[in-house]
Amino acid sequence: PGEFYNIAGGRELTNKELTALLLEACDAGWDRVDYVEDRLGHDRRYALDFGKLAALGYQPRVGFEDGLAETVQWYRDNRSWWEPLKNQA
């Protein structure tokens, strides 16, 4: 019926690298991180191949760090939208 396309930024990060970038974007330190044991069968790697989409001309328009910073800022600017949803969960 249709096809699936992975949308990715073309960059692979470890969970620790991603956490460091997120902490930086949030102006927060490692003291905000709670370390937990890995769950049984946890994923060792997260990587998306956007080759099919690239063949159609797709290229990321925003770098990962910039996109992450923009996402954090969106959440800061739109608390009135997402906080009620969080409180309902």
Foldseek 3Di string as FASTA:
>chain_A
DDDDADDDQPDWDFPVRVVVLLCVLVVHDPVVDDDDDDDPPDDPGDDDDRPVVVVVVDHDPDHPSRVSSVVVVVCVVPVVPCVVVVVVD
